């Protein structure tokens, strides 16, 4: 499912190469199984972002995804928070990537959504759909939070929901999101910075923003889908802020 590679690229930290590949990416979007409405929204996002100023795009990206946890692009942040279960979930997912033939760099966190999408894009359409369905509830929460902040990044999350086939009561989620306290305010960030930093590899070399630089190879196994070995991510027990 090539459109997952497009969405992965757009969810990753903005780079100039996206603009250079805009026409090819637009073709992939139009050829995708997305609904016409989601094609239009995703296409408009790509056009708008790649014709604007790159530094402005990067600044907005940092403000959305690097301040606070409610819009974290790490799947397990929304499932386990900072509990000890998160570390084991990381290890289990890393092992499952390895079983499928995917080796990721030391700076990669396996639950980073752009990386997860890159992986699913190599596993065949049905397996990709199942993989998205597993995290459907998380995608829905992110979509509603981005929509509440009036960010056009919501189009990416809604496109992923469309591809997953998962049915979620978005109106109920929107009502919950509206009642949430923002976690990207100076006061909220001060509280987070006072907490101990949690790492999962035992090395400071993993600090910093993860990027989806490690791509799945053509040798990856595509004959079966290996589900995430975690709690049911489609119904996380306690998403952050919900």
Protein backbone atom coordinates (compact mmCIF):
# COMPACT_ATOMS: atom_id res chain seq x y z
CA UNK A 1 0.00 0.00 0.00
CA UNK A 2 2.18 2.80 -1.35
CA UNK A 3 0.09 5.61 0.09
CA UNK A 4 1.31 4.59 3.55
CA UNK A 5 4.81 5.58 2.45
CA UNK A 6 3.47 9.00 1.49
CA UNK A 7 1.74 9.48 4.84
CA UNK A 8 4.83 8.21 6.66
CA UNK A 9 6.94 10.81 4.87
CA UNK A 10 4.50 13.60 5.70
CA UNK A 11 4.32 12.59 9.38
CA UNK A 12 8.08 12.52 9.71
CA UNK A 13 10.13 15.65 10.38
CA UNK A 14 9.73 17.96 7.35
CA UNK A 15 12.56 17.81 4.82
CA UNK A 16 13.14 19.63 1.53
CA UNK A 17 13.04 16.36 -0.42
CA UNK A 18 9.28 16.16 0.06
CA UNK A 19 8.74 19.18 -2.16
CA UNK A 20 11.04 17.75 -4.81
CA UNK A 21 8.98 14.55 -4.95
CA UNK A 22 5.58 16.31 -4.76
CA UNK A 23 4.30 15.31 -8.21
CA UNK A 24 5.15 11.63 -7.69
CA UNK A 25 3.55 11.68 -4.26
CA UNK A 26 0.39 13.25 -5.65
CA UNK A 27 0.12 10.44 -8.20
CA UNK A 28 0.36 7.84 -5.44
CA UNK A 29 -2.37 9.59 -3.45
CA UNK A 30 -4.73 9.67 -6.43
CA UNK A 31 -4.10 5.97 -7.15
CA UNK A 32 -4.71 4.94 -3.53
CA UNK A 33 -7.84 3.24 -2.12
CA UNK A 34 -8.69 6.33 -0.07
CA UNK A 35 -12.13 7.89 -0.41
CA UNK A 36 -12.34 10.89 -2.71
CA UNK A 37 -12.76 13.19 0.30
CA UNK A 38 -9.63 11.89 2.00
CA UNK A 39 -7.68 11.98 -1.25
CA UNK A 40 -8.60 15.64 -1.60
CA UNK A 41 -7.62 16.47 1.99
CA UNK A 42 -4.32 14.59 1.80
CA UNK A 43 -3.49 16.09 -1.60
CA UNK A 44 -4.27 19.59 -0.32
CA UNK A 45 -2.04 19.03 2.72
CA UNK A 46 0.86 17.96 0.52
CA UNK A 47 0.41 20.89 -1.87
CA UNK A 48 0.08 23.45 0.90
CA UNK A 49 3.05 22.23 2.91
CA UNK A 50 5.45 21.79 0.02
CA UNK A 51 4.73 25.21 -1.47
CA UNK A 52 5.17 27.04 1.83
CA UNK A 53 8.29 27.91 3.79
CA UNK A 54 10.14 24.81 5.03
CA UNK A 55 11.33 26.42 8.25
CA UNK A 56 7.79 27.48 9.12
CA UNK A 57 6.65 23.91 8.51
CA UNK A 58 9.41 22.54 10.73
CA UNK A 59 8.60 25.04 13.47
CA UNK A 60 4.93 24.09 13.46
CA UNK A 61 5.87 20.40 13.48
CA UNK A 62 7.98 20.92 16.60
CA UNK A 63 5.18 22.83 18.28
CA UNK A 64 2.68 20.05 17.64
CA UNK A 65 4.59 16.85 18.13
CA UNK A 66 7.54 17.77 20.34
CA UNK A 67 5.69 19.71 23.05
CA UNK A 68 3.63 17.58 25.40
CA UNK A 69 2.55 13.98 25.07
CA UNK A 70 -1.03 14.14 23.83
CA UNK A 71 0.12 14.33 20.19
CA UNK A 72 3.07 11.99 20.57
CA UNK A 73 3.95 10.02 17.44
CA UNK A 74 5.03 7.10 19.63
CA UNK A 75 2.27 4.50 19.79
CA UNK A 76 3.12 3.14 23.23
CA UNK A 77 3.02 6.62 24.73
CA UNK A 78 -0.74 6.43 24.32
CA UNK A 79 -1.02 2.88 25.68
CA UNK A 80 1.50 2.53 28.49
CA UNK A 81 2.61 6.09 29.24
CA UNK A 82 5.71 5.82 31.42
CA UNK A 83 4.79 2.49 33.00
CA UNK A 84 7.28 -0.37 33.07
CA UNK A 85 5.15 -2.23 30.53
CA UNK A 86 6.27 0.23 27.87
CA UNK A 87 9.85 -0.99 27.89
CA UNK A 88 8.84 -4.60 27.36
CA UNK A 89 6.41 -3.60 24.62
CA UNK A 90 9.31 -1.84 22.86
CA UNK A 91 11.44 -4.97 23.06
CA UNK A 92 8.62 -7.19 21.81
CA UNK A 93 7.88 -4.94 18.84
CA UNK A 94 11.57 -4.70 17.97
CA UNK A 95 11.78 -8.50 17.96
CA UNK A 96 8.75 -8.73 15.69
CA UNK A 97 10.34 -6.29 13.24
CA UNK A 98 13.46 -8.43 13.21
CA UNK A 99 11.41 -11.58 12.57
CA UNK A 100 9.92 -9.85 9.53
CA UNK A 101 13.39 -8.93 8.24
CA UNK A 102 13.42 -5.27 9.26
CA UNK A 103 16.51 -3.91 10.99
CA UNK A 104 16.20 -0.39 12.37
CA UNK A 105 18.98 1.91 13.52
CA UNK A 106 19.96 2.45 17.14
CA UNK A 107 18.30 5.88 17.09
CA UNK A 108 14.97 4.44 15.97
CA UNK A 109 12.11 3.79 18.37
CA UNK A 110 10.04 0.91 16.97
CA UNK A 111 6.67 2.44 17.85
CA UNK A 112 7.39 5.71 15.99
CA UNK A 113 4.35 5.97 13.73
CA UNK A 114 6.18 6.94 10.50
CA UNK A 115 8.43 3.89 10.91
CA UNK A 116 5.45 1.65 11.65
CA UNK A 117 3.75 2.90 8.49
CA UNK A 118 6.87 2.23 6.43
CA UNK A 119 6.83 -1.32 7.72
CA UNK A 120 3.13 -1.86 7.00
CA UNK A 121 3.56 -0.50 3.48
CA UNK A 122 5.68 -3.55 2.61
CA UNK A 123 3.35 -6.18 4.02
CA UNK A 124 0.59 -6.28 1.42
CA UNK A 125 -2.71 -4.39 1.41
CA UNK A 126 -4.67 -6.71 3.71
CA UNK A 127 -1.87 -7.00 6.25
CA UNK A 128 -1.41 -3.23 6.18
CA UNK A 129 -5.10 -2.76 6.89
CA UNK A 130 -4.94 -5.16 9.82
CA UNK A 131 -1.90 -3.35 11.19
CA UNK A 132 -3.67 -0.01 11.01
CA UNK A 133 -6.79 -1.50 12.61
CA UNK A 134 -4.70 -2.56 15.61
CA UNK A 135 -3.90 1.07 16.34
CA UNK A 136 -7.17 2.50 15.06
CA UNK A 137 -8.28 3.96 18.37
CA UNK A 138 -4.96 5.77 18.80
CA UNK A 139 -5.24 7.20 15.29
CA UNK A 140 -8.77 8.39 16.06
CA UNK A 141 -7.65 10.15 19.25
CA UNK A 142 -4.80 11.85 17.39
CA UNK A 143 -7.16 12.91 14.59
CA UNK A 144 -9.60 14.50 17.03
CA UNK A 145 -6.85 16.27 18.98
CA UNK A 146 -5.30 17.66 15.82
CA UNK A 147 -8.70 18.73 14.59
CA UNK A 148 -9.37 20.43 17.93
CA UNK A 149 -6.13 22.39 17.51
CA UNK A 150 -7.24 23.33 14.00
CA UNK A 151 -4.20 21.61 12.48
CA UNK A 152 -4.34 20.29 8.94
CA UNK A 153 -2.26 17.32 10.16
CA UNK A 154 -5.65 15.87 11.12
CA UNK A 155 -6.05 14.99 7.43
CA UNK A 156 -3.21 12.47 7.73
CA UNK A 157 -4.74 10.73 10.74
CA UNK A 158 -8.16 10.61 9.12
CA UNK A 159 -6.63 9.12 5.97
CA UNK A 160 -5.07 6.36 8.07
CA UNK A 161 -8.42 5.69 9.75
CA UNK A 162 -10.00 5.43 6.31
CA UNK A 163 -7.41 2.86 5.22
CA UNK A 164 -7.83 0.86 8.46
CA UNK A 165 -11.56 0.31 7.98
CA UNK A 166 -12.06 0.76 11.73
CA UNK A 167 -15.32 2.35 12.85
CA UNK A 168 -14.86 4.73 15.78
CA UNK A 169 -17.40 7.01 17.46
CA UNK A 170 -15.59 10.22 16.56
CA UNK A 171 -18.28 12.46 18.05
CA UNK A 172 -17.76 10.88 21.46
CA UNK A 173 -13.99 11.30 21.16
CA UNK A 174 -14.36 14.91 20.10
CA UNK A 175 -16.42 15.62 23.21
CA UNK A 176 -13.70 14.11 25.39
CA UNK A 177 -10.92 15.97 23.61
CA UNK A 178 -12.63 19.32 24.08
CA UNK A 179 -12.56 18.75 27.85
CA UNK A 180 -8.85 17.91 27.96
CA UNK A 181 -6.32 20.28 29.47
CA UNK A 182 -3.58 21.28 27.04
CA UNK A 183 -0.24 19.65 27.85
CA UNK A 184 1.86 21.97 25.67
CA UNK A 185 1.57 25.06 27.89
CA UNK A 186 4.67 26.35 29.75
CA UNK A 187 3.20 25.18 33.07
CA UNK A 188 2.44 21.70 31.77
CA UNK A 189 5.86 21.39 30.14
CA UNK A 190 7.63 22.45 33.33
CA UNK A 191 5.92 19.59 35.12
CA UNK A 192 7.02 17.10 32.48
CA UNK A 193 10.63 18.32 32.50
CA UNK A 194 10.79 17.69 36.24
CA UNK A 195 10.09 14.00 35.69
CA UNK A 196 12.88 11.53 35.11
CA UNK A 197 13.69 10.82 31.48
CA UNK A 198 12.85 7.22 30.55
CA UNK A 199 14.90 5.39 27.92
CA UNK A 200 14.51 1.88 26.59
CA UNK A 201 17.95 1.03 25.24
CA UNK A 202 20.15 1.92 28.17
CA UNK A 203 22.15 4.36 26.05
CA UNK A 204 22.12 8.13 25.78
CA UNK A 205 22.82 7.74 22.08
CA UNK A 206 19.11 7.16 21.51
CA UNK A 207 18.11 10.61 22.69
CA UNK A 208 16.60 13.04 20.25
CA UNK A 209 13.85 13.00 17.70
CA UNK A 210 13.47 9.62 15.96
CA UNK A 211 13.36 9.63 12.19
CA UNK A 212 12.22 6.98 9.77
CA UNK A 213 15.58 6.69 8.02
CA UNK A 214 15.69 2.90 8.19
CA UNK A 215 13.46 1.57 5.47
CA UNK A 216 12.09 -1.98 5.11
CA UNK A 217 14.08 -3.99 2.61
CA UNK A 218 12.73 -6.04 -0.27
CA UNK A 219 13.70 -9.16 1.66
CA UNK A 220 11.05 -8.60 4.31
CA UNK A 221 8.58 -11.40 4.72
CA UNK A 222 5.22 -10.42 3.21
CA UNK A 223 3.35 -13.70 3.50
CA UNK A 224 1.91 -13.12 6.95
CA UNK A 225 1.15 -10.30 9.34
CA UNK A 226 2.81 -10.36 12.76
CA UNK A 227 0.50 -8.53 15.19
CA UNK A 228 1.90 -6.25 17.86
CA UNK A 229 2.53 -8.25 21.00
CA UNK A 230 0.87 -5.77 23.32
CA UNK A 231 -2.48 -5.02 24.85
CA UNK A 232 -5.20 -4.48 22.24
CA UNK A 233 -4.10 -1.15 20.81
CA UNK A 234 -7.44 -0.67 19.13
CA UNK A 235 -8.89 -0.19 22.61
CA UNK A 236 -6.08 1.17 24.80
CA UNK A 237 -6.88 1.01 28.49
CA UNK A 238 -6.04 4.66 29.14
CA UNK A 239 -4.87 6.86 26.27
CA UNK A 240 -2.94 9.88 27.48
CA UNK A 241 -5.34 12.66 28.35
CA UNK A 242 -8.53 10.64 27.75
